[in-house]
């Protein structure tokens, strides 16, 4: 069972993500980032790779796409806030975007 991040875990795991463009969502225990690509095909390629990892880890993002932009919000609905799954997926998404 996944648990909500402790205060200690938040300090150690969220700080690197926040330094890499992720931001806390106002009025929610969630993180958000906008990824920008050169064109629609590159954005969709990222989303496809991200979807495969999300399915593999059974943890799915809230996301929105327009042309070359993909907006991602991560939170764990089962615990009503951020969990280690969100941190893991955010790191993976950053790596996938860097490969694009």
PDB file of N, CA and C in Angstrom:
ATOM      1  N   UNK A   1       0.840  -1.192   0.000  1.00  0.00           N
ATOM      2  CA  UNK A   1       0.000   0.000   0.000  1.00  0.00           C
ATOM      3  C   UNK A   1       0.875   1.241   0.000  1.00  0.00           C
ATOM      4  N   UNK A   2       0.582   2.152  -0.850  1.00  0.00           N
ATOM      5  CA  UNK A   2       1.301   3.414  -0.950  1.00  0.00           C
ATOM      6  C   UNK A   2       0.856   4.341   0.173  1.00  0.00           C
ATOM      7  N   UNK A   3       1.814   5.086   0.707  1.00  0.00           N
ATOM      8  CA  UNK A   3       1.515   6.029   1.772  1.00  0.00           C
ATOM      9  C   UNK A   3       1.851   7.446   1.339  1.00  0.00           C
ATOM     10  N   UNK A   4       1.183   8.394   1.933  1.00  0.00           N
ATOM     11  CA  UNK A   4       1.455   9.802   1.689  1.00  0.00           C
ATOM     12  C   UNK A   4       2.883  10.116   2.151  1.00  0.00           C
ATOM     13  N   UNK A   5       3.573  10.991   1.430  1.00  0.00           N
ATOM     14  CA  UNK A   5       4.945  11.360   1.789  1.00  0.00           C
ATOM     15  C   UNK A   5       4.993  12.002   3.174  1.00  0.00           C
ATOM     16  N   UNK A   6       5.963  11.588   3.977  1.00  0.00           N
ATOM     17  CA  UNK A   6       6.185  12.212   5.281  1.00  0.00           C
ATOM     18  C   UNK A   6       6.844  13.567   5.067  1.00  0.00           C
ATOM     19  N   UNK A   7       6.888  14.377   6.107  1.00  0.00           N
ATOM     20  CA  UNK A   7       7.541  15.690   6.002  1.00  0.00           C
ATOM     21  C   UNK A   7       9.018  15.533   5.654  1.00  0.00           C
ATOM     22  N   UNK A   8       9.689  14.541   6.243  1.00  0.00           N
ATOM     23  CA  UNK A   8      11.102  14.298   5.948  1.00  0.00           C
ATOM     24  C   UNK A   8      11.284  13.902   4.487  1.00  0.00           C
ATOM     25  N   UNK A   9      10.440  12.996   4.010  1.00  0.00           N
ATOM     26  CA  UNK A   9      10.524  12.552   2.615  1.00  0.00           C
ATOM     27  C   UNK A   9      10.245  13.708   1.660  1.00  0.00           C
ATOM     28  N   UNK A  10       9.321  14.575   2.018  1.00  0.00           N
ATOM     29  CA  UNK A  10       9.009  15.736   1.181  1.00  0.00           C
ATOM     30  C   UNK A  10      10.248  16.609   1.000  1.00  0.00           C
ATOM     31  N   UNK A  11      10.953  16.865   2.101  1.00  0.00           N
ATOM     32  CA  UNK A  11      12.128  17.729   2.043  1.00  0.00           C
ATOM     33  C   UNK A  11      13.223  17.133   1.165  1.00  0.00           C
ATOM     34  N   UNK A  12      13.426  15.839   1.262  1.00  0.00           N
ATOM     35  CA  UNK A  12      14.534  15.224   0.535  1.00  0.00           C
ATOM     36  C   UNK A  12      14.183  14.864  -0.906  1.00  0.00           C
ATOM     37  N   UNK A  13      12.937  14.498  -1.165  1.00  0.00           N
ATOM     38  CA  UNK A  13      12.599  14.038  -2.520  1.00  0.00           C
ATOM     39  C   UNK A  13      11.985  15.110  -3.410  1.00  0.00           C
ATOM     40  N   UNK A  14      11.283  16.054  -2.813  1.00  0.00           N
ATOM     41  CA  UNK A  14      10.638  17.081  -3.634  1.00  0.00           C
ATOM     42  C   UNK A  14      11.588  18.201  -4.031  1.00  0.00           C
ATOM     43  N   UNK A  15      12.557  18.511  -3.185  1.00  0.00           N
ATOM     44  CA  UNK A  15      13.471  19.626  -3.479  1.00  0.00           C
ATOM     45  C   UNK A  15      14.141  19.502  -4.849  1.00  0.00           C
ATOM     46  N   UNK A  16      14.723  18.341  -5.200  1.00  0.00           N
ATOM     47  CA  UNK A  16      15.341  18.231  -6.530  1.00  0.00           C
ATOM     48  C   UNK A  16      14.335  18.399  -7.672  1.00  0.00           C
ATOM     49  N   UNK A  17      13.112  17.941  -7.464  1.00  0.00           N
ATOM     50  CA  UNK A  17      12.091  18.096  -8.506  1.00  0.00           C
ATOM     51  C   UNK A  17      11.710  19.569  -8.669  1.00  0.00           C
ATOM     52  N   UNK A  18      11.558  20.262  -7.557  1.00  0.00           N
ATOM     53  CA  UNK A  18      11.199  21.682  -7.611  1.00  0.00           C
ATOM     54  C   UNK A  18      12.306  22.494  -8.261  1.00  0.00           C
ATOM     55  N   UNK A  19      13.545  22.084  -8.069  1.00  0.00           N
ATOM     56  CA  UNK A  19      14.676  22.757  -8.716  1.00  0.00           C
ATOM     57  C   UNK A  19      14.727  22.457 -10.216  1.00  0.00           C
ATOM     58  N   UNK A  20      14.037  21.401 -10.636  1.00  0.00           N
ATOM     59  CA  UNK A  20      14.053  20.983 -12.039  1.00  0.00           C
ATOM     60  C   UNK A  20      12.753  21.344 -12.774  1.00  0.00           C
ATOM     61  N   UNK A  21      12.034  22.340 -12.253  1.00  0.00           N
ATOM     62  CA  UNK A  21      10.870  22.835 -12.987  1.00  0.00           C
ATOM     63  C   UNK A  21       9.514  22.378 -12.499  1.00  0.00           C
ATOM     64  N   UNK A  22       9.465  21.427 -11.589  1.00  0.00           N
ATOM     65  CA  UNK A  22       8.186  21.020 -11.009  1.00  0.00           C
ATOM     66  C   UNK A  22       7.778  22.093 -10.003  1.00  0.00           C
ATOM     67  N   UNK A  23       6.477  22.233  -9.792  1.00  0.00           N
ATOM     68  CA  UNK A  23       5.965  23.213  -8.832  1.00  0.00           C
ATOM     69  C   UNK A  23       4.820  22.592  -8.048  1.00  0.00           C
ATOM     70  N   UNK A  24       4.670  23.046  -6.832  1.00  0.00           N
ATOM     71  CA  UNK A  24       3.532  22.608  -6.025  1.00  0.00           C
ATOM     72  C   UNK A  24       2.264  23.231  -6.611  1.00  0.00           C
ATOM     73  N   UNK A  25       1.183  22.481  -6.593  1.00  0.00           N
ATOM     74  CA  UNK A  25      -0.098  22.971  -7.090  1.00  0.00           C
ATOM     75  C   UNK A  25      -0.814  23.676  -5.936  1.00  0.00           C
ATOM     76  N   UNK A  26      -1.287  24.866  -6.199  1.00  0.00           N
ATOM     77  CA  UNK A  26      -2.009  25.625  -5.183  1.00  0.00           C
ATOM     78  C   UNK A  26      -3.311  24.909  -4.820  1.00  0.00           C
ATOM     79  N   UNK A  27      -3.607  24.827  -3.552  1.00  0.00           N
ATOM     80  CA  UNK A  27      -4.849  24.237  -3.023  1.00  0.00           C
ATOM     81  C   UNK A  27      -4.970  22.729  -3.224  1.00  0.00           C
ATOM     82  N   UNK A  28      -3.848  22.063  -3.539  1.00  0.00           N
ATOM     83  CA  UNK A  28      -3.844  20.599  -3.695  1.00  0.00           C
ATOM     84  C   UNK A  28      -2.493  20.080  -3.262  1.00  0.00           C
ATOM     85  N   UNK A  29      -2.453  18.852  -2.813  1.00  0.00           N
ATOM     86  CA  UNK A  29      -1.176  18.209  -2.515  1.00  0.00           C
ATOM     87  C   UNK A  29      -0.748  17.471  -3.775  1.00  0.00           C
ATOM     88  N   UNK A  30      -0.194  18.237  -4.708  1.00  0.00           N
ATOM     89  CA  UNK A  30       0.170  17.716  -6.027  1.00  0.00           C
ATOM     90  C   UNK A  30       1.318  18.555  -6.581  1.00  0.00           C
ATOM     91  N   UNK A  31       2.010  17.988  -7.582  1.00  0.00           N
ATOM     92  CA  UNK A  31       3.054  18.720  -8.294  1.00  0.00           C
ATOM     93  C   UNK A  31       2.677  18.816  -9.766  1.00  0.00           C
ATOM     94  N   UNK A  32       3.207  19.853 -10.411  1.00  0.00           N
ATOM     95  CA  UNK A  32       2.844  20.139 -11.807  1.00  0.00           C
ATOM     96  C   UNK A  32       4.084  20.597 -12.571  1.00  0.00           C
ATOM     97  N   UNK A  33       4.129  20.219 -13.843  1.00  0.00           N
ATOM     98  CA  UNK A  33       5.204  20.699 -14.711  1.00  0.00           C
ATOM     99  C   UNK A  33       4.689  20.769 -16.142  1.00  0.00           C
ATOM    100  N   UNK A  34       5.162  21.767 -16.879  1.00  0.00           N
ATOM    101  CA  UNK A  34       4.859  21.880 -18.301  1.00  0.00           C
ATOM    102  C   UNK A  34       6.112  21.515 -19.085  1.00  0.00           C
ATOM    103  N   UNK A  35       5.974  20.531 -19.947  1.00  0.00           N
ATOM    104  CA  UNK A  35       7.064  20.100 -20.817  1.00  0.00           C
ATOM    105  C   UNK A  35       6.807  20.698 -22.199  1.00  0.00           C
ATOM    106  N   UNK A  36       7.843  21.275 -22.804  1.00  0.00           N
ATOM    107  CA  UNK A  36       7.718  21.840 -24.153  1.00  0.00           C
ATOM    108  C   UNK A  36       8.666  21.110 -25.090  1.00  0.00           C
ATOM    109  N   UNK A  37       8.145  20.772 -26.256  1.00  0.00           N
ATOM    110  CA  UNK A  37       8.897  20.025 -27.261  1.00  0.00           C
ATOM    111  C   UNK A  37       8.944  20.824 -28.553  1.00  0.00           C
ATOM    112  N   UNK A  38       9.684  20.319 -29.536  1.00  0.00           N
ATOM    113  CA  UNK A  38       9.816  21.069 -30.792  1.00  0.00           C
ATOM    114  C   UNK A  38       8.540  21.051 -31.628  1.00  0.00           C
ATOM    115  N   UNK A  39       7.772  19.971 -31.527  1.00  0.00           N
ATOM    116  CA  UNK A  39       6.553  19.879 -32.323  1.00  0.00           C
ATOM    117  C   UNK A  39       5.599  18.851 -31.708  1.00  0.00           C
ATOM    118  N   UNK A  40       4.460  18.681 -32.350  1.00  0.00           N
ATOM    119  CA  UNK A  40       3.428  17.774 -31.862  1.00  0.00           C
ATOM    120  C   UNK A  40       3.910  16.320 -31.821  1.00  0.00           C
ATOM    121  N   UNK A  41       4.636  15.895 -32.831  1.00  0.00           N
ATOM    122  CA  UNK A  41       5.111  14.513 -32.886  1.00  0.00           C
ATOM    123  C   UNK A  41       6.026  14.201 -31.708  1.00  0.00           C
ATOM    124  N   UNK A  42       6.909  15.114 -31.383  1.00  0.00           N
ATOM    125  CA  UNK A  42       7.809  14.902 -30.247  1.00  0.00           C
ATOM    126  C   UNK A  42       7.024  14.874 -28.928  1.00  0.00           C
ATOM    127  N   UNK A  43       6.045  15.742 -28.798  1.00  0.00           N
ATOM    128  CA  UNK A  43       5.202  15.752 -27.589  1.00  0.00           C
ATOM    129  C   UNK A  43       4.434  14.442 -27.456  1.00  0.00           C
ATOM    130  N   UNK A  44       3.891  13.959 -28.569  1.00  0.00           N
ATOM    131  CA  UNK A  44       3.134  12.701 -28.521  1.00  0.00           C
ATOM    132  C   UNK A  44       4.052  11.508 -28.257  1.00  0.00           C
ATOM    133  N   UNK A  45       5.264  11.552 -28.771  1.00  0.00           N
ATOM    134  CA  UNK A  45       6.229  10.503 -28.481  1.00  0.00           C
ATOM    135  C   UNK A  45       6.517  10.435 -26.991  1.00  0.00           C
ATOM    136  N   UNK A  46       6.712  11.606 -26.372  1.00  0.00           N
ATOM    137  CA  UNK A  46       6.919  11.668 -24.927  1.00  0.00           C
ATOM    138  C   UNK A  46       5.715  11.095 -24.193  1.00  0.00           C
ATOM    139  N   UNK A  47       4.527  11.500 -24.604  1.00  0.00           N
ATOM    140  CA  UNK A  47       3.316  11.023 -23.923  1.00  0.00           C
ATOM    141  C   UNK A  47       3.161   9.508 -24.054  1.00  0.00           C
ATOM    142  N   UNK A  48       3.518   8.969 -25.199  1.00  0.00           N
ATOM    143  CA  UNK A  48       3.421   7.523 -25.402  1.00  0.00           C
ATOM    144  C   UNK A  48       4.387   6.787 -24.482  1.00  0.00           C
ATOM    145  N   UNK A  49       5.640   7.250 -24.443  1.00  0.00           N
ATOM    146  CA  UNK A  49       6.621   6.619 -23.550  1.00  0.00           C
ATOM    147  C   UNK A  49       6.206   6.771 -22.086  1.00  0.00           C
ATOM    148  N   UNK A  50       5.713   7.957 -21.736  1.00  0.00           N
ATOM    149  CA  UNK A  50       5.260   8.212 -20.367  1.00  0.00           C
ATOM    150  C   UNK A  50       4.066   7.321 -20.016  1.00  0.00           C
ATOM    151  N   UNK A  51       3.171   7.122 -20.971  1.00  0.00           N
ATOM    152  CA  UNK A  51       2.002   6.273 -20.738  1.00  0.00           C
ATOM    153  C   UNK A  51       2.411   4.824 -20.473  1.00  0.00           C
ATOM    154  N   UNK A  52       3.414   4.344 -21.185  1.00  0.00           N
ATOM    155  CA  UNK A  52       3.879   2.967 -20.973  1.00  0.00           C
ATOM    156  C   UNK A  52       4.437   2.780 -19.566  1.00  0.00           C
ATOM    157  N   UNK A  53       5.238   3.748 -19.094  1.00  0.00           N
ATOM    158  CA  UNK A  53       5.769   3.665 -17.732  1.00  0.00           C
ATOM    159  C   UNK A  53       4.658   3.834 -16.698  1.00  0.00           C
ATOM    160  N   UNK A  54       3.724   4.716 -16.956  1.00  0.00           N
ATOM    161  CA  UNK A  54       2.609   4.922 -16.034  1.00  0.00           C
ATOM    162  C   UNK A  54       1.804   3.642 -15.881  1.00  0.00           C
ATOM    163  N   UNK A  55       1.565   2.974 -16.979  1.00  0.00           N
ATOM    164  CA  UNK A  55       0.814   1.713 -16.945  1.00  0.00           C
ATOM    165  C   UNK A  55       1.614   0.634 -16.238  1.00  0.00           C
ATOM    166  N   UNK A  56       2.907   0.563 -16.522  1.00  0.00           N
ATOM    167  CA  UNK A  56       3.770  -0.440 -15.891  1.00  0.00           C
ATOM    168  C   UNK A  56       3.753  -0.284 -14.372  1.00  0.00           C
ATOM    169  N   UNK A  57       3.795   0.968 -13.896  1.00  0.00           N
ATOM    170  CA  UNK A  57       3.827   1.226 -12.460  1.00  0.00           C
ATOM    171  C   UNK A  57       2.439   1.441 -11.866  1.00  0.00           C
ATOM    172  N   UNK A  58       1.400   1.301 -12.708  1.00  0.00           N
ATOM    173  CA  UNK A  58       0.008   1.460 -12.275  1.00  0.00           C
ATOM    174  C   UNK A  58      -0.209   2.774 -11.522  1.00  0.00           C
ATOM    175  N   UNK A  59       0.353   3.830 -12.086  1.00  0.00           N
ATOM    176  CA  UNK A  59       0.189   5.163 -11.501  1.00  0.00           C
ATOM    177  C   UNK A  59       0.087   6.150 -12.665  1.00  0.00           C
ATOM    178  N   UNK A  60      -1.046   6.800 -12.784  1.00  0.00           N
ATOM    179  CA  UNK A  60      -1.346   7.548 -14.001  1.00  0.00           C
ATOM    180  C   UNK A  60      -1.443   9.050 -13.745  1.00  0.00           C
ATOM    181  N   UNK A  61      -0.861   9.831 -14.640  1.00  0.00           N
ATOM    182  CA  UNK A  61      -0.868  11.287 -14.462  1.00  0.00           C
ATOM    183  C   UNK A  61      -2.187  11.918 -14.892  1.00  0.00           C
ATOM    184  N   UNK A  62      -2.382  13.130 -14.421  1.00  0.00           N
ATOM    185  CA  UNK A  62      -3.393  14.004 -15.004  1.00  0.00           C
ATOM    186  C   UNK A  62      -2.595  14.831 -15.999  1.00  0.00           C
ATOM    187  N   UNK A  63      -3.027  14.850 -17.263  1.00  0.00           N
ATOM    188  CA  UNK A  63      -2.245  15.624 -18.218  1.00  0.00           C
ATOM    189  C   UNK A  63      -3.109  16.223 -19.305  1.00  0.00           C
ATOM    190  N   UNK A  64      -2.508  17.201 -19.979  1.00  0.00           N
ATOM    191  CA  UNK A  64      -3.190  17.971 -20.999  1.00  0.00           C
ATOM    192  C   UNK A  64      -2.161  18.293 -22.076  1.00  0.00           C
ATOM    193  N   UNK A  65      -2.552  18.151 -23.329  1.00  0.00           N
ATOM    194  CA  UNK A  65      -1.629  18.382 -24.434  1.00  0.00           C
ATOM    195  C   UNK A  65      -2.232  19.342 -25.447  1.00  0.00           C
ATOM    196  N   UNK A  66      -1.443  20.326 -25.859  1.00  0.00           N
ATOM    197  CA  UNK A  66      -1.761  21.185 -26.999  1.00  0.00           C
ATOM    198  C   UNK A  66      -0.481  21.326 -27.799  1.00  0.00           C
ATOM    199  N   UNK A  67      -0.534  20.885 -29.042  1.00  0.00           N
ATOM    200  CA  UNK A  67       0.568  20.931 -29.986  1.00  0.00           C
ATOM    201  C   UNK A  67       1.877  20.433 -29.372  1.00  0.00           C
ATOM    202  N   UNK A  68       2.795  21.320 -29.003  1.00  0.00           N
ATOM    203  CA  UNK A  68       4.114  20.879 -28.529  1.00  0.00           C
ATOM    204  C   UNK A  68       4.253  20.957 -27.002  1.00  0.00           C
ATOM    205  N   UNK A  69       3.166  21.172 -26.316  1.00  0.00           N
ATOM    206  CA  UNK A  69       3.183  21.354 -24.867  1.00  0.00           C
ATOM    207  C   UNK A  69       2.403  20.233 -24.172  1.00  0.00           C
ATOM    208  N   UNK A  70       3.006  19.671 -23.124  1.00  0.00           N
ATOM    209  CA  UNK A  70       2.339  18.655 -22.305  1.00  0.00           C
ATOM    210  C   UNK A  70       2.386  19.127 -20.857  1.00  0.00           C
ATOM    211  N   UNK A  71       1.227  19.351 -20.272  1.00  0.00           N
ATOM    212  CA  UNK A  71       1.135  19.750 -18.874  1.00  0.00           C
ATOM    213  C   UNK A  71       0.815  18.511 -18.047  1.00  0.00           C
ATOM    214  N   UNK A  72       1.598  18.287 -17.007  1.00  0.00           N
ATOM    215  CA  UNK A  72       1.453  17.086 -16.183  1.00  0.00           C
ATOM    216  C   UNK A  72       1.215  17.480 -14.729  1.00  0.00           C
ATOM    217  N   UNK A  73       0.229  16.871 -14.113  1.00  0.00           N
ATOM    218  CA  UNK A  73      -0.009  16.998 -12.674  1.00  0.00           C
ATOM    219  C   UNK A  73       0.041  15.601 -12.081  1.00  0.00           C
ATOM    220  N   UNK A  74       0.798  15.479 -10.982  1.00  0.00           N
ATOM    221  CA  UNK A  74       0.928  14.193 -10.299  1.00  0.00           C
ATOM    222  C   UNK A  74       0.446  14.306  -8.863  1.00  0.00           C
ATOM    223  N   UNK A  75      -0.363  13.351  -8.462  1.00  0.00           N
ATOM    224  CA  UNK A  75      -0.828  13.185  -7.094  1.00  0.00           C
ATOM    225  C   UNK A  75      -1.328  11.752  -6.980  1.00  0.00           C
ATOM    226  N   UNK A  76      -1.428  11.258  -5.781  1.00  0.00           N
ATOM    227  CA  UNK A  76      -1.923   9.898  -5.576  1.00  0.00           C
ATOM    228  C   UNK A  76      -3.307   9.995  -4.950  1.00  0.00           C
ATOM    229  N   UNK A  77      -4.317   9.708  -5.733  1.00  0.00           N
ATOM    230  CA  UNK A  77      -5.687   9.866  -5.277  1.00  0.00           C
ATOM    231  C   UNK A  77      -6.011   8.958  -4.090  1.00  0.00           C
ATOM    232  N   UNK A  78      -5.430   7.760  -4.056  1.00  0.00           N
ATOM    233  CA  UNK A  78      -5.708   6.817  -2.967  1.00  0.00           C
ATOM    234  C   UNK A  78      -5.307   7.356  -1.597  1.00  0.00           C
ATOM    235  N   UNK A  79      -4.262   8.196  -1.555  1.00  0.00           N
ATOM    236  CA  UNK A  79      -3.808   8.745  -0.271  1.00  0.00           C
ATOM    237  C   UNK A  79      -4.131  10.236  -0.143  1.00  0.00           C
ATOM    238  N   UNK A  80      -4.823  10.765  -1.147  1.00  0.00           N
ATOM    239  CA  UNK A  80      -5.223  12.176  -1.161  1.00  0.00           C
ATOM    240  C   UNK A  80      -4.028  13.114  -1.026  1.00  0.00           C
ATOM    241  N   UNK A  81      -2.976  12.809  -1.776  1.00  0.00           N
ATOM    242  CA  UNK A  81      -1.804  13.664  -1.753  1.00  0.00           C
ATOM    243  C   UNK A  81      -0.619  13.005  -2.422  1.00  0.00           C
ATOM    244  N   UNK A  82       0.541  13.587  -2.210  1.00  0.00           N
ATOM    245  CA  UNK A  82       1.762  13.092  -2.840  1.00  0.00           C
ATOM    246  C   UNK A  82       2.297  11.843  -2.152  1.00  0.00           C
ATOM    247  N   UNK A  83       2.770  10.915  -2.980  1.00  0.00           N
ATOM    248  CA  UNK A  83       3.391   9.690  -2.485  1.00  0.00           C
ATOM    249  C   UNK A  83       4.700   9.464  -3.233  1.00  0.00           C
ATOM    250  N   UNK A  84       5.400   8.427  -2.850  1.00  0.00           N
ATOM    251  CA  UNK A  84       6.654   8.089  -3.524  1.00  0.00           C
ATOM    252  C   UNK A  84       6.419   7.754  -4.993  1.00  0.00           C
ATOM    253  N   UNK A  85       5.225   7.296  -5.339  1.00  0.00           N
ATOM    254  CA  UNK A  85       4.910   7.007  -6.745  1.00  0.00           C
ATOM    255  C   UNK A  85       4.962   8.281  -7.593  1.00  0.00           C
ATOM    256  N   UNK A  86       4.516   9.381  -7.024  1.00  0.00           N
ATOM    257  CA  UNK A  86       4.552  10.651  -7.763  1.00  0.00           C
ATOM    258  C   UNK A  86       5.985  11.097  -7.998  1.00  0.00           C
ATOM    259  N   UNK A  87       6.823  10.950  -6.991  1.00  0.00           N
ATOM    260  CA  UNK A  87       8.241  11.304  -7.114  1.00  0.00           C
ATOM    261  C   UNK A  87       8.903  10.425  -8.176  1.00  0.00           C
ATOM    262  N   UNK A  88       8.634   9.129  -8.110  1.00  0.00           N
ATOM    263  CA  UNK A  88       9.209   8.169  -9.058  1.00  0.00           C
ATOM    264  C   UNK A  88       8.792   8.514 -10.493  1.00  0.00           C
ATOM    265  N   UNK A  89       7.515   8.804 -10.681  1.00  0.00           N
ATOM    266  CA  UNK A  89       7.011   9.113 -12.024  1.00  0.00           C
ATOM    267  C   UNK A  89       7.550  10.462 -12.512  1.00  0.00           C
ATOM    268  N   UNK A  90       7.646  11.441 -11.634  1.00  0.00           N
ATOM    269  CA  UNK A  90       8.194  12.746 -12.031  1.00  0.00           C
ATOM    270  C   UNK A  90       9.632  12.600 -12.508  1.00  0.00           C
ATOM    271  N   UNK A  91      10.423  11.830 -11.784  1.00  0.00           N
ATOM    272  CA  UNK A  91      11.815  11.600 -12.194  1.00  0.00           C
ATOM    273  C   UNK A  91      11.872  10.899 -13.556  1.00  0.00           C
ATOM    274  N   UNK A  92      11.017   9.912 -13.738  1.00  0.00           N
ATOM    275  CA  UNK A  92      10.985   9.180 -15.013  1.00  0.00           C
ATOM    276  C   UNK A  92      10.591  10.120 -16.144  1.00  0.00           C
ATOM    277  N   UNK A  93       9.569  10.949 -15.931  1.00  0.00           N
ATOM    278  CA  UNK A  93       9.118  11.873 -16.968  1.00  0.00           C
ATOM    279  C   UNK A  93      10.228  12.861 -17.335  1.00  0.00           C
ATOM    280  N   UNK A  94      10.960  13.333 -16.333  1.00  0.00           N
ATOM    281  CA  UNK A  94      12.081  14.241 -16.614  1.00  0.00           C
ATOM    282  C   UNK A  94      13.109  13.538 -17.497  1.00  0.00           C
ATOM    283  N   UNK A  95      13.401  12.286 -17.195  1.00  0.00           N
ATOM    284  CA  UNK A  95      14.364  11.521 -18.002  1.00  0.00           C
ATOM    285  C   UNK A  95      13.868  11.297 -19.415  1.00  0.00           C
ATOM    286  N   UNK A  96      12.584  10.980 -19.552  1.00  0.00           N
ATOM    287  CA  UNK A  96      12.016  10.765 -20.885  1.00  0.00           C
ATOM    288  C   UNK A  96      12.030  12.048 -21.703  1.00  0.00           C
ATOM    289  N   UNK A  97      11.730  13.162 -21.070  1.00  0.00           N
ATOM    290  CA  UNK A  97      11.727  14.448 -21.780  1.00  0.00           C
ATOM    291  C   UNK A  97      13.133  14.813 -22.238  1.00  0.00           C
ATOM    292  N   UNK A  98      14.115  14.489 -21.428  1.00  0.00           N
ATOM    293  CA  UNK A  98      15.502  14.795 -21.796  1.00  0.00           C
ATOM    294  C   UNK A  98      15.963  13.989 -23.006  1.00  0.00           C
ATOM    295  N   UNK A  99      15.349  12.820 -23.228  1.00  0.00           N
ATOM    296  CA  UNK A  99      15.692  11.965 -24.370  1.00  0.00           C
ATOM    297  C   UNK A  99      15.039  12.445 -25.658  1.00  0.00           C
ATOM    298  N   UNK A 100      14.034  13.289 -25.536  1.00  0.00           N
ATOM    299  CA  UNK A 100      13.281  13.744 -26.722  1.00  0.00           C
ATOM    300  C   UNK A 100      14.061  14.725 -27.543  1.00  0.00           C
TER     301      UNK A 100
END
